[in-house]
Protein backbone atom coordinates (compact mmCIF):
# COMPACT_ATOMS: atom_id res chain seq x y z
CA MET A 1 0.12 0.36 -0.31
CA ASP A 2 1.59 3.49 -0.79
CA PHE A 3 2.35 5.49 1.63
CA SER A 4 -0.24 8.61 2.24
CA ILE A 5 0.56 12.02 4.01
CA HIS A 6 -2.75 12.78 4.74
CA MET A 7 -3.43 9.53 6.48
CA TRP A 8 -0.54 9.58 8.48
CA MET A 9 -1.21 12.78 9.57
CA ARG A 10 -5.16 11.93 10.47
CA ASP A 11 -3.57 9.26 12.36
CA TYR A 12 -0.74 11.59 14.15
CA GLN A 13 -3.13 14.19 15.28
CA LYS A 14 -5.57 11.76 16.91
CA THR A 15 -3.12 10.48 19.05
CA ILE A 16 -1.09 13.53 19.88
CA GLU A 17 -4.64 15.05 20.85
CA ARG A 18 -5.48 12.31 23.15
CA GLN A 19 -2.21 12.64 24.50
CA PHE A 20 -2.17 16.59 25.11
CA GLY A 21 -5.28 17.59 24.58
CA ASN A 22 -6.48 21.12 24.70
CA ARG A 23 -2.44 22.13 25.45
CA ILE A 24 -1.90 21.89 21.76
CA TRP A 25 -1.33 25.23 20.11
CA PHE A 26 -0.62 24.09 16.76
CA ILE A 27 0.49 21.11 14.55
CA GLY A 28 2.18 21.86 10.97
CA LEU A 29 3.94 20.24 8.71
CA GLN A 30 7.14 21.46 7.08
CA GLY A 31 10.09 20.19 4.73
CA SER A 32 8.84 18.20 1.33
CA TYR A 33 5.56 16.54 2.21
CA GLY A 34 4.58 20.43 3.46
CA ARG A 35 6.10 21.82 -0.07
CA GLY A 36 3.98 18.83 -1.81
CA GLU A 37 8.08 17.89 -3.49
CA ALA A 38 8.03 14.24 -0.92
CA THR A 39 9.46 11.32 -2.20
CA GLU A 40 10.25 8.28 -0.51
CA GLN A 41 13.15 9.03 0.86
CA SER A 42 11.36 12.36 2.40
CA ASP A 43 11.90 12.53 6.27
CA ILE A 44 8.16 13.70 7.48
CA ASP A 45 8.86 17.09 9.29
CA VAL A 46 5.94 17.38 11.83
CA VAL A 47 5.53 20.97 14.21
CA LEU A 48 4.15 20.30 17.55
CA ILE A 49 3.41 23.29 19.78
CA LEU A 50 2.26 22.90 23.12
CA ASP A 51 1.44 25.69 25.51
CA HIS A 52 4.85 24.78 27.70
CA VAL A 53 7.11 21.66 26.71
CA SER A 54 9.03 19.82 29.97
CA ALA A 55 11.12 16.63 29.80
CA GLU A 56 8.08 14.50 30.52
CA ASP A 57 5.94 15.91 27.39
CA LEU A 58 9.18 15.11 25.36
CA GLN A 59 9.40 11.42 26.75
CA ALA A 60 5.79 10.94 26.28
CA TYR A 61 6.05 12.56 22.54
CA SER A 62 8.59 10.04 22.06
CA ARG A 63 6.87 7.02 23.31
CA LEU A 64 3.80 7.99 20.84
CA LEU A 65 5.67 8.76 17.66
CA ASP A 66 7.28 5.04 17.89
CA ALA A 67 4.05 3.04 18.25
CA LEU A 68 3.43 5.17 15.01
CA PRO A 69 4.09 3.74 11.57
CA ASN A 70 7.11 4.97 9.27
CA ARG A 71 8.99 5.85 12.36
CA LYS A 72 12.44 6.24 11.03
CA LYS A 73 10.92 8.97 8.70
CA VAL A 74 9.78 11.23 11.68
CA CYS A 75 11.47 14.37 12.67
CA GLY A 76 10.49 17.63 13.15
CA PHE A 77 10.21 20.72 15.95
CA VAL A 78 8.73 20.38 19.11
CA SER A 79 8.63 23.76 21.58
CA GLY A 80 6.33 25.52 23.92
CA LYS A 81 4.17 28.52 22.70
CA GLU A 82 6.03 31.30 24.99
CA GLU A 83 9.32 29.99 24.07
CA LEU A 84 8.41 30.03 19.84
CA LEU A 85 7.45 33.58 20.75
CA ALA A 86 10.46 34.46 21.83
CA TRP A 87 12.29 32.77 19.46
CA GLU A 88 15.03 34.98 17.01
CA PRO A 89 13.27 36.12 14.75
CA ALA A 90 15.72 35.40 11.56
CA ASP A 91 14.59 31.92 12.63
CA LEU A 92 10.93 32.44 12.65
CA PHE A 93 11.02 33.99 9.52
CA GLN A 94 11.71 30.58 7.62
CA PHE A 95 9.80 28.64 10.28
CA TYR A 96 6.63 30.76 9.87
CA TYR A 97 6.76 30.91 5.88
CA ASP A 98 7.94 26.53 5.48
CA THR A 99 5.28 25.43 7.46
CA ALA A 100 1.72 24.66 6.49
CA PRO A 101 -0.73 24.66 9.25
CA ILE A 102 -2.56 21.36 10.06
CA VAL A 103 -4.14 22.63 13.92
CA GLY A 104 -4.01 26.44 14.58
CA SER A 105 -2.03 29.05 13.20
CA LEU A 106 1.14 30.86 13.64
CA ASP A 107 0.24 34.21 11.84
CA SER A 108 1.12 35.84 15.08
CA LEU A 109 4.61 35.36 14.54
CA LEU A 110 4.54 37.78 12.11
CA LYS A 111 4.39 40.61 14.14
CA CYS A 112 8.11 39.16 15.27
CA ILE A 113 9.72 39.24 11.61
CA ARG A 114 10.79 42.53 10.06
CA LEU A 115 12.69 43.11 7.23
CA GLU A 116 16.09 43.14 8.80
CA ASP A 117 15.43 40.25 10.19
CA VAL A 118 14.80 38.64 6.57
CA CYS A 119 18.45 40.15 6.02
CA ARG A 120 19.42 38.37 9.12
CA ALA A 121 18.20 35.21 7.77
CA ILE A 122 20.11 35.08 4.42
CA ARG A 123 23.26 36.44 5.65
CA MET A 124 23.12 33.64 8.33
CA GLY A 125 22.28 30.91 5.73
CA ALA A 126 25.39 32.27 3.57
CA CYS A 127 27.40 32.02 6.33
CA ASN A 128 26.71 29.05 7.18
CA VAL A 129 26.97 27.64 3.74
CA TYR A 130 30.23 29.35 3.24
CA HIS A 131 31.63 27.80 6.62
CA MET A 132 30.87 24.48 5.72
CA CYS A 133 31.77 24.67 1.92
CA VAL A 134 35.26 25.90 3.07
CA HIS A 135 35.45 23.00 5.68
CA ASN A 136 34.14 20.22 2.87
CA MET A 137 36.66 21.74 0.12
CA VAL A 138 39.58 21.52 2.33
CA HIS A 139 38.94 18.45 4.56
CA GLU A 140 35.99 16.14 3.53
CA LYS A 141 35.69 16.61 -0.11
CA SER A 142 32.33 15.01 -0.14
CA ALA A 143 29.81 15.15 -2.47
CA ASP A 144 26.94 14.44 -0.22
CA ILE A 145 28.02 17.26 2.32
CA LEU A 146 28.08 19.33 -1.27
CA LYS A 147 24.67 18.02 -1.64
CA GLY A 148 23.19 19.06 1.60
CA LEU A 149 24.85 22.51 1.21
CA TYR A 150 23.22 23.24 -1.83
CA LYS A 151 19.87 22.18 -0.02
CA SER A 152 21.00 24.51 2.74
CA ALA A 153 21.02 27.16 -0.05
CA ALA A 154 17.87 26.86 -1.29
CA PHE A 155 16.60 27.61 1.75
CA THR A 156 18.28 31.24 1.69
CA LEU A 157 17.51 31.26 -2.14
CA GLN A 158 13.60 31.88 -0.57
CA ALA A 159 14.46 34.25 1.62
CA ILE A 160 16.65 36.24 -1.08
CA ALA A 161 13.49 36.17 -3.35
CA PHE A 162 11.49 37.41 -0.65
CA LEU A 163 13.96 40.21 0.10
CA GLN A 164 13.46 41.20 -3.61
CA THR A 165 9.70 40.28 -4.51
CA GLY A 166 7.97 40.43 -1.20
CA ASN A 167 6.62 36.61 -2.44
CA TYR A 168 7.73 33.24 -0.57
CA GLU A 169 8.29 30.72 -3.00
CA LYS A 170 7.81 27.19 -1.53
CA GLN A 171 7.95 25.06 -4.52
CA LYS A 172 11.42 25.31 -6.24
CA THR A 173 10.02 25.24 -9.78
CA VAL A 174 8.26 28.60 -9.05
CA LEU A 175 11.10 30.05 -6.78
CA LYS A 176 13.19 29.80 -10.22
CA SER A 177 11.36 32.20 -11.62
CA ARG A 178 11.55 34.90 -8.65
CA LEU A 179 15.34 34.78 -8.64
CA GLN A 180 18.50 36.70 -10.42
CA PRO A 181 20.40 34.33 -12.74
CA LYS A 182 23.35 33.49 -10.74
CA ASP A 183 20.89 32.52 -7.78
CA ARG A 184 18.74 30.72 -10.08
CA CYS A 185 21.96 28.94 -11.03
CA ILE A 186 22.52 27.70 -7.85
CA LEU A 187 19.12 26.57 -7.03
CA GLU A 188 18.97 25.12 -10.52
CA ILE A 189 22.52 22.99 -9.62
CA GLY A 190 21.02 21.93 -5.98
CA MET A 191 18.16 20.13 -8.29
CA ASP A 192 20.74 18.65 -10.38
CA LEU A 193 22.48 17.16 -7.37
CA LYS A 194 19.73 16.48 -5.69
CA ARG A 195 19.41 13.56 -8.94
CA LYS A 196 22.89 12.38 -9.52
CA ASP A 197 23.68 9.02 -8.08
CA THR A 198 27.27 10.22 -8.50
CA VAL A 199 29.61 13.21 -8.54
CA SER A 200 32.96 13.69 -10.20
CA ASN A 201 36.04 14.91 -8.72
CA THR A 202 35.37 17.83 -11.55
CA GLU A 203 32.05 18.40 -10.34
CA LEU A 204 32.58 18.75 -6.87
CA ILE A 205 35.43 21.26 -7.51
CA GLU A 206 33.62 23.35 -10.28
CA PHE A 207 30.36 23.14 -8.31
CA SER A 208 32.02 23.65 -4.28
CA ALA A 209 33.61 27.10 -5.91
CA PHE A 210 30.51 28.30 -7.23
CA LEU A 211 28.44 28.08 -4.32
CA LEU A 212 31.70 29.56 -1.92
CA ASP A 213 31.92 32.65 -4.60
CA TRP A 214 27.70 32.78 -4.19
CA ALA A 215 27.57 32.71 -0.23
CA SER A 216 30.93 35.32 0.04
CA GLU A 217 28.89 37.46 -2.16
CA TRP A 218 25.75 37.56 0.29
CA ILE A 219 27.49 37.91 3.21
CA ARG A 220 29.14 40.79 1.61
CA ARG A 221 26.09 42.36 0.45
CA CYS A 222 23.58 41.58 3.58
CA LYS A 223 26.22 43.68 5.82
CA GLY A 224 24.71 47.05 6.33
CA VAL A 225 21.66 46.34 4.58
CA HIS A 226 18.08 47.41 6.59
CA GLY A 227 19.94 47.11 9.84
CA GLU A 228 22.38 44.45 8.92
CA SER A 229 25.96 45.63 10.45
């Protein structure tokens, strides 16, 4: 029988509601299932926000997940409501726009997110890609790490497109049309790498160099923009 994320989420919701009841503030879905781009290898990125979260709550939640099918595919984010509302705004930007609501709403997070937070999200994303790209080029020389870096870059590209157009595009096929040429090339390389079983050493060097240059450019471009310093 084919896997159905809708049926899985239905069972998940019933299970969670039996345990936590009216303590639930929000349930959502992130990642490729949330974007409608899932494959057989995709994780199930579920979001659960409670009124508050204790260590005992997390242990109970883990046991509930253990009883559900496809346990090894399940990951995601759990938090208390007040902690989430006080979270780093640059992280909240991506969190809000990449989360498909199932129960409740995250709209109250919007008042926490300013334009300078979007710039900060871009800068932080570019810094992380730059740092790991340097590490991989010098030490690991891993195609899998490079694929992961291009995947991470795609999230930064979503923030870049939002900054430039005011639109947040979850689906990569639509995101491509919102990007400038060099940014679009980063997205296209990442999509191609995802489909490749093997990456040649020449491709590893070439794609790493291109990604490093892209990340470097955005780190410098974001300095001093809309409150970034």
